[in-house]
């Protein structure tokens, strides 16, 4: 989750970070591409719309799963909060 920083590069940085233990030449090329993107878009801004969308409940389809699962009950542990 990105709280502060560049939301537009979080996936790429995460993928590159997963290869830190055994980096290859292709990973270096990917890092160079990321740096080239940052150099080109150094002052980029992301604009978020603060308004709430109006979505009615009729938009969501209520699925009936009884034909798939049958009459099963969810196992809830006794120490569940």
N, C-alpha and C. Protein backbone atom coordinates (compact mmCIF):
# COMPACT_ATOMS: atom_id res chain seq x y z
N UNK A 1 0.85 -1.17 0.00
CA UNK A 1 0.00 0.00 0.00
C UNK A 1 0.90 1.23 0.00
N UNK A 2 0.52 2.18 -0.81
CA UNK A 2 1.28 3.43 -0.89
C UNK A 2 0.56 4.48 -0.08
N UNK A 3 1.21 5.00 0.93
CA UNK A 3 0.63 6.06 1.74
C UNK A 3 1.17 7.42 1.31
N UNK A 4 2.46 7.50 1.12
CA UNK A 4 3.10 8.72 0.66
C UNK A 4 4.08 8.34 -0.43
N UNK A 5 4.25 9.20 -1.37
CA UNK A 5 5.24 8.92 -2.40
C UNK A 5 4.61 8.79 -3.77
N UNK A 6 5.29 8.10 -4.64
CA UNK A 6 4.90 8.00 -6.03
C UNK A 6 4.00 6.79 -6.24
N UNK A 7 2.72 7.03 -6.34
CA UNK A 7 1.75 5.96 -6.56
C UNK A 7 1.93 5.34 -7.94
N UNK A 8 2.41 6.12 -8.90
CA UNK A 8 2.52 5.65 -10.27
C UNK A 8 3.65 4.64 -10.49
N UNK A 9 4.57 4.50 -9.55
CA UNK A 9 5.68 3.56 -9.75
C UNK A 9 5.72 2.45 -8.70
N UNK A 10 4.70 2.32 -7.87
CA UNK A 10 4.76 1.37 -6.76
C UNK A 10 4.89 -0.07 -7.25
N UNK A 11 4.20 -0.43 -8.32
CA UNK A 11 4.27 -1.81 -8.82
C UNK A 11 5.67 -2.13 -9.34
N UNK A 12 6.22 -1.22 -10.10
CA UNK A 12 7.55 -1.45 -10.67
C UNK A 12 8.61 -1.54 -9.59
N UNK A 13 8.54 -0.67 -8.60
CA UNK A 13 9.51 -0.69 -7.50
C UNK A 13 9.37 -1.98 -6.70
N UNK A 14 8.15 -2.43 -6.49
CA UNK A 14 7.92 -3.67 -5.75
C UNK A 14 8.48 -4.87 -6.51
N UNK A 15 8.26 -4.90 -7.82
CA UNK A 15 8.80 -6.01 -8.62
C UNK A 15 10.32 -6.01 -8.60
N UNK A 16 10.92 -4.84 -8.73
CA UNK A 16 12.39 -4.78 -8.69
C UNK A 16 12.93 -5.17 -7.32
N UNK A 17 12.24 -4.78 -6.26
CA UNK A 17 12.70 -5.11 -4.92
C UNK A 17 12.66 -6.61 -4.66
N UNK A 18 11.76 -7.33 -5.32
CA UNK A 18 11.68 -8.77 -5.12
C UNK A 18 12.87 -9.51 -5.72
N UNK A 19 13.65 -8.85 -6.58
CA UNK A 19 14.81 -9.48 -7.21
C UNK A 19 16.14 -8.99 -6.62
N UNK A 20 16.10 -8.39 -5.44
CA UNK A 20 17.33 -7.85 -4.85
C UNK A 20 18.29 -8.96 -4.43
N UNK A 21 17.79 -10.12 -4.10
CA UNK A 21 18.67 -11.20 -3.63
C UNK A 21 19.52 -11.78 -4.75
N UNK A 22 18.97 -11.84 -5.96
CA UNK A 22 19.70 -12.41 -7.08
C UNK A 22 19.42 -11.59 -8.35
N UNK A 23 19.96 -10.38 -8.42
CA UNK A 23 19.67 -9.53 -9.58
C UNK A 23 20.38 -10.03 -10.84
N UNK A 24 19.73 -9.78 -11.97
CA UNK A 24 20.30 -10.14 -13.27
C UNK A 24 20.42 -8.86 -14.11
N UNK A 25 21.01 -8.99 -15.28
CA UNK A 25 21.21 -7.83 -16.15
C UNK A 25 19.87 -7.23 -16.59
N UNK A 26 18.87 -8.05 -16.81
CA UNK A 26 17.55 -7.54 -17.19
C UNK A 26 16.93 -6.67 -16.12
N UNK A 27 17.23 -6.98 -14.86
CA UNK A 27 16.71 -6.17 -13.77
C UNK A 27 17.36 -4.79 -13.76
N UNK A 28 18.62 -4.73 -14.12
CA UNK A 28 19.31 -3.44 -14.22
C UNK A 28 18.70 -2.61 -15.34
N UNK A 29 18.39 -3.26 -16.47
CA UNK A 29 17.74 -2.54 -17.56
C UNK A 29 16.38 -2.00 -17.12
N UNK A 30 15.63 -2.79 -16.35
CA UNK A 30 14.33 -2.35 -15.85
C UNK A 30 14.50 -1.15 -14.91
N UNK A 31 15.54 -1.17 -14.10
CA UNK A 31 15.80 -0.04 -13.19
C UNK A 31 16.14 1.21 -14.00
N UNK A 32 16.91 1.03 -15.08
CA UNK A 32 17.24 2.18 -15.93
C UNK A 32 15.98 2.75 -16.58
N UNK A 33 15.05 1.88 -16.99
CA UNK A 33 13.79 2.35 -17.57
C UNK A 33 12.99 3.13 -16.53
N UNK A 34 13.00 2.65 -15.30
CA UNK A 34 12.29 3.34 -14.23
C UNK A 34 12.89 4.72 -13.97
N UNK A 35 14.22 4.78 -13.95
CA UNK A 35 14.88 6.07 -13.74
C UNK A 35 14.62 7.02 -14.92
N UNK A 36 14.56 6.48 -16.13
CA UNK A 36 14.25 7.32 -17.30
C UNK A 36 12.83 7.87 -17.19
N UNK A 37 11.90 7.06 -16.72
CA UNK A 37 10.53 7.52 -16.51
C UNK A 37 10.49 8.64 -15.47
N UNK A 38 11.22 8.45 -14.37
CA UNK A 38 11.24 9.46 -13.32
C UNK A 38 11.89 10.77 -13.80
N UNK A 39 12.91 10.64 -14.65
CA UNK A 39 13.56 11.83 -15.17
C UNK A 39 12.61 12.62 -16.07
N UNK A 40 11.81 11.89 -16.85
CA UNK A 40 10.88 12.55 -17.77
C UNK A 40 9.65 13.10 -17.03
N UNK A 41 9.19 12.41 -16.00
CA UNK A 41 7.98 12.80 -15.28
C UNK A 41 8.30 13.24 -13.86
N UNK A 42 9.34 14.01 -13.67
CA UNK A 42 9.77 14.39 -12.33
C UNK A 42 8.79 15.31 -11.63
N UNK A 43 8.01 16.06 -12.37
CA UNK A 43 7.07 16.98 -11.75
C UNK A 43 5.62 16.56 -11.99
N UNK A 44 5.41 15.28 -12.23
CA UNK A 44 4.06 14.80 -12.52
C UNK A 44 3.18 14.88 -11.28
N UNK A 45 1.92 15.09 -11.51
CA UNK A 45 0.95 15.15 -10.42
C UNK A 45 -0.17 14.17 -10.69
N UNK A 46 -0.69 13.63 -9.64
CA UNK A 46 -1.88 12.80 -9.76
C UNK A 46 -3.03 13.57 -9.13
N UNK A 47 -4.12 13.65 -9.84
CA UNK A 47 -5.28 14.40 -9.38
C UNK A 47 -6.39 13.41 -9.08
N UNK A 48 -6.93 13.49 -7.88
CA UNK A 48 -8.02 12.60 -7.47
C UNK A 48 -9.30 13.41 -7.34
N UNK A 49 -10.40 12.83 -7.79
CA UNK A 49 -11.70 13.47 -7.71
C UNK A 49 -12.26 13.24 -6.31
N UNK A 50 -12.50 14.29 -5.51
CA UNK A 50 -12.95 14.11 -4.14
C UNK A 50 -14.44 13.80 -4.00
N UNK A 51 -15.19 13.84 -5.09
CA UNK A 51 -16.63 13.59 -4.99
C UNK A 51 -16.91 12.10 -4.89
N UNK A 52 -18.01 11.77 -4.23
CA UNK A 52 -18.41 10.38 -4.09
C UNK A 52 -19.29 9.98 -5.25
N UNK A 53 -19.06 8.81 -5.83
CA UNK A 53 -19.93 8.37 -6.92
C UNK A 53 -21.29 7.92 -6.37
N UNK A 54 -22.31 8.08 -7.17
CA UNK A 54 -23.64 7.63 -6.77
C UNK A 54 -23.91 6.30 -7.47
N UNK A 55 -23.79 5.23 -6.71
CA UNK A 55 -24.00 3.89 -7.24
C UNK A 55 -25.13 3.26 -6.46
N UNK A 56 -26.16 2.85 -7.16
CA UNK A 56 -27.29 2.22 -6.51
C UNK A 56 -27.05 0.73 -6.29
N UNK A 57 -27.81 0.15 -5.37
CA UNK A 57 -27.65 -1.28 -5.09
C UNK A 57 -28.07 -2.15 -6.26
N UNK A 58 -28.86 -1.61 -7.18
CA UNK A 58 -29.28 -2.39 -8.34
C UNK A 58 -28.11 -2.67 -9.28
N UNK A 59 -27.02 -1.94 -9.13
CA UNK A 59 -25.83 -2.16 -9.96
C UNK A 59 -25.17 -3.49 -9.63
N UNK A 60 -25.26 -3.93 -8.38
CA UNK A 60 -24.58 -5.14 -7.93
C UNK A 60 -25.50 -6.35 -8.08
N UNK A 61 -24.94 -7.41 -8.62
CA UNK A 61 -25.70 -8.64 -8.83
C UNK A 61 -25.57 -9.53 -7.59
N UNK A 62 -26.70 -9.94 -7.04
CA UNK A 62 -26.67 -10.83 -5.89
C UNK A 62 -26.58 -12.26 -6.42
N UNK A 63 -25.44 -12.89 -6.18
CA UNK A 63 -25.23 -14.25 -6.68
C UNK A 63 -25.85 -15.29 -5.77
N UNK A 64 -26.35 -16.34 -6.35
CA UNK A 64 -26.90 -17.46 -5.58
C UNK A 64 -25.93 -18.63 -5.74
N UNK A 65 -25.26 -18.99 -4.67
CA UNK A 65 -24.22 -20.01 -4.72
C UNK A 65 -24.68 -21.33 -4.13
N UNK A 66 -25.93 -21.46 -3.76
CA UNK A 66 -26.41 -22.69 -3.13
C UNK A 66 -26.28 -23.89 -4.07
N UNK A 67 -26.49 -23.68 -5.37
CA UNK A 67 -26.36 -24.79 -6.32
C UNK A 67 -24.90 -25.27 -6.42
N UNK A 68 -23.94 -24.40 -6.11
CA UNK A 68 -22.53 -24.77 -6.20
C UNK A 68 -22.01 -25.37 -4.89
N UNK A 69 -22.36 -24.74 -3.75
CA UNK A 69 -21.85 -25.18 -2.46
C UNK A 69 -22.77 -26.11 -1.71
N UNK A 70 -24.03 -26.12 -2.05
CA UNK A 70 -24.97 -26.97 -1.32
C UNK A 70 -25.34 -26.37 0.02
N UNK A 71 -25.56 -27.23 1.03
CA UNK A 71 -25.98 -26.78 2.36
C UNK A 71 -24.81 -26.78 3.35
N UNK A 72 -23.70 -26.17 2.98
CA UNK A 72 -22.54 -26.14 3.87
C UNK A 72 -22.63 -24.96 4.81
N UNK A 73 -22.03 -25.10 5.97
CA UNK A 73 -21.95 -24.03 6.96
C UNK A 73 -20.49 -23.64 7.12
N UNK A 74 -20.25 -22.36 7.36
CA UNK A 74 -18.88 -21.88 7.54
C UNK A 74 -18.39 -22.27 8.93
N UNK A 75 -17.19 -22.85 8.95
CA UNK A 75 -16.60 -23.26 10.23
C UNK A 75 -16.00 -22.03 10.90
N UNK A 76 -16.57 -21.63 12.02
CA UNK A 76 -16.08 -20.47 12.75
C UNK A 76 -15.43 -20.97 14.04
N UNK A 77 -14.14 -20.67 14.24
CA UNK A 77 -13.47 -21.13 15.47
C UNK A 77 -14.13 -20.52 16.71
N UNK A 78 -14.12 -21.25 17.82
CA UNK A 78 -14.76 -20.74 19.03
C UNK A 78 -14.07 -19.51 19.61
N UNK A 79 -12.79 -19.31 19.30
CA UNK A 79 -12.07 -18.15 19.85
C UNK A 79 -12.02 -16.97 18.88
N UNK A 80 -12.88 -16.99 17.86
CA UNK A 80 -12.92 -15.89 16.89
C UNK A 80 -13.49 -14.63 17.55
N UNK A 81 -12.95 -13.48 17.21
CA UNK A 81 -13.45 -12.24 17.83
C UNK A 81 -14.83 -11.87 17.33
